[in-house]
Amino acid sequence: MKSQPIVGAALFTAVMEAAGYRCQCGGECGQLHTKGDGRCQHEHDHYTSKHGRRVRLMAAPVDPLATDVAAARLPASELRAWCPDCHGAAARRARKRLPAAPTDQCGLFDL
């Protein structure tokens, strides 16, 4: 492994070793990942394609909508390796699935 974060390196390394330095997205992002047998093929410090960018995996909670404070309290066993593309797409999909806020609430100054 060529790169790792300065802060939380032990936690990051534990998550990456458990994941085999490969993104653990199993379709939560909306992609079927058919070439990777249902799992994203992005690997830490590898390029996405011949002319692509370098992939930097992150250790993040299984729930992509977890707050930063909640994520910081989790042990390595409750984190998973995510590539930024899958994590962002999974968070967008999870937000769309949240129940809509009720619109028939009375306002403070409604009479």
Protein backbone atom coordinates (compact mmCIF):
# COMPACT_ATOMS: atom_id res chain seq x y z
CA MET A 1 0.00 0.00 0.00
CA LYS A 2 1.47 3.31 -1.05
CA SER A 3 -0.84 5.76 0.68
CA GLN A 4 -2.76 5.90 3.90
CA PRO A 5 -4.15 8.71 6.05
CA ILE A 6 -1.94 10.25 8.72
CA VAL A 7 -4.71 10.30 11.33
CA GLY A 8 -6.34 6.96 12.16
CA ALA A 9 -3.84 4.91 10.17
CA ALA A 10 -4.25 1.82 12.38
CA LEU A 11 -8.05 1.87 11.98
CA PHE A 12 -7.76 2.49 8.23
CA THR A 13 -5.27 -0.35 7.83
CA ALA A 14 -7.47 -2.76 9.79
CA VAL A 15 -10.48 -1.98 7.58
CA MET A 16 -8.45 -2.23 4.36
CA GLU A 17 -6.83 -5.53 5.33
CA ALA A 18 -10.25 -7.01 6.15
CA ALA A 19 -11.51 -5.83 2.74
CA GLY A 20 -8.43 -6.98 0.86
CA TYR A 21 -7.78 -3.35 -0.19
CA ARG A 22 -10.83 -3.53 -2.47
CA CYS A 23 -14.09 -1.56 -2.34
CA GLN A 24 -16.75 -3.53 -0.48
CA CYS A 25 -19.76 -2.04 -2.28
CA GLY A 26 -22.15 -4.83 -3.12
CA GLY A 27 -24.55 -2.83 -5.26
CA GLU A 28 -25.64 -0.19 -2.73
CA CYS A 29 -24.53 2.42 -5.25
CA GLY A 30 -27.00 1.20 -7.86
CA GLN A 31 -24.48 -0.67 -10.00
CA LEU A 32 -24.65 -4.44 -10.24
CA HIS A 33 -20.85 -4.77 -10.42
CA THR A 34 -21.27 -7.78 -12.72
CA LYS A 35 -17.57 -7.89 -13.67
CA GLY A 36 -16.59 -8.19 -10.01
CA ASP A 37 -19.10 -10.90 -9.06
CA GLY A 38 -21.39 -8.40 -7.36
CA ARG A 39 -18.61 -6.39 -5.70
CA CYS A 40 -16.94 -3.20 -6.91
CA GLN A 41 -13.57 -3.82 -8.55
CA HIS A 42 -11.84 -0.61 -7.42
CA GLU A 43 -8.69 -1.31 -5.43
CA HIS A 44 -6.78 1.10 -3.21
CA ASP A 45 -3.97 2.97 -4.99
CA HIS A 46 -4.85 1.48 -8.40
CA TYR A 47 -6.00 3.44 -11.42
CA THR A 48 -9.60 3.31 -12.62
CA SER A 49 -8.51 2.88 -16.24
CA LYS A 50 -5.57 3.44 -18.51
CA HIS A 51 -6.09 7.22 -18.45
CA GLY A 52 -8.12 7.39 -15.25
CA ARG A 53 -7.48 8.66 -11.79
CA ARG A 54 -5.96 6.87 -8.83
CA VAL A 55 -8.51 5.32 -6.44
CA ARG A 56 -8.19 6.20 -2.76
CA LEU A 57 -10.48 4.01 -0.70
CA MET A 58 -11.92 5.27 2.56
CA ALA A 59 -13.01 3.53 5.73
CA ALA A 60 -16.63 4.55 6.26
CA PRO A 61 -19.73 3.14 7.99
CA VAL A 62 -21.93 0.61 6.24
CA ASP A 63 -24.72 3.23 6.40
CA PRO A 64 -23.59 5.93 3.95
CA LEU A 65 -25.83 8.50 5.69
CA ALA A 66 -24.09 8.18 9.06
CA THR A 67 -22.79 11.47 10.40
CA ASP A 68 -19.08 12.12 10.77
CA VAL A 69 -19.42 12.10 14.57
CA ALA A 70 -21.20 8.74 14.54
CA ALA A 71 -18.62 7.32 12.12
CA ALA A 72 -15.70 8.45 14.29
CA ARG A 73 -17.06 6.43 17.21
CA LEU A 74 -17.34 3.15 15.30
CA PRO A 75 -14.77 0.36 15.65
CA ALA A 76 -13.09 -1.12 12.58
CA SER A 77 -15.48 -4.08 12.62
CA GLU A 78 -18.39 -1.74 11.83
CA LEU A 79 -16.65 0.07 8.98
CA ARG A 80 -16.16 -0.98 5.40
CA ALA A 81 -13.89 0.04 2.55
CA TRP A 82 -15.63 2.33 0.05
CA CYS A 83 -14.38 3.96 -3.12
CA PRO A 84 -15.56 7.60 -3.36
CA ASP A 85 -17.78 6.86 -6.38
CA CYS A 86 -19.72 4.06 -4.69
CA HIS A 87 -19.98 5.88 -1.36
CA GLY A 88 -21.36 9.03 -2.98
CA ALA A 89 -23.85 7.12 -5.13
CA ALA A 90 -24.97 4.98 -2.18
CA ALA A 91 -25.55 8.11 -0.08
CA ARG A 92 -27.62 9.72 -2.86
CA ARG A 93 -29.73 6.58 -3.22
CA ALA A 94 -30.23 6.32 0.54
CA ARG A 95 -31.36 9.98 0.72
CA LYS A 96 -33.93 9.35 -2.01
CA ARG A 97 -35.36 6.47 0.00
CA LEU A 98 -35.91 8.57 3.12
CA PRO A 99 -39.57 9.35 3.78
CA ALA A 100 -40.64 12.74 2.53
CA ALA A 101 -41.21 15.42 5.12
CA PRO A 102 -44.90 16.00 5.76
CA THR A 103 -46.19 19.10 3.99
CA ASP A 104 -49.49 19.42 5.83
CA GLN A 105 -47.95 20.62 9.09
CA CYS A 106 -49.33 23.84 10.48
CA GLY A 107 -46.87 26.69 10.55
CA LEU A 108 -46.12 28.69 13.65
CA PHE A 109 -48.12 31.66 12.44
CA ASP A 110 -50.94 29.84 10.61
CA LEU A 111 -54.33 30.90 11.95
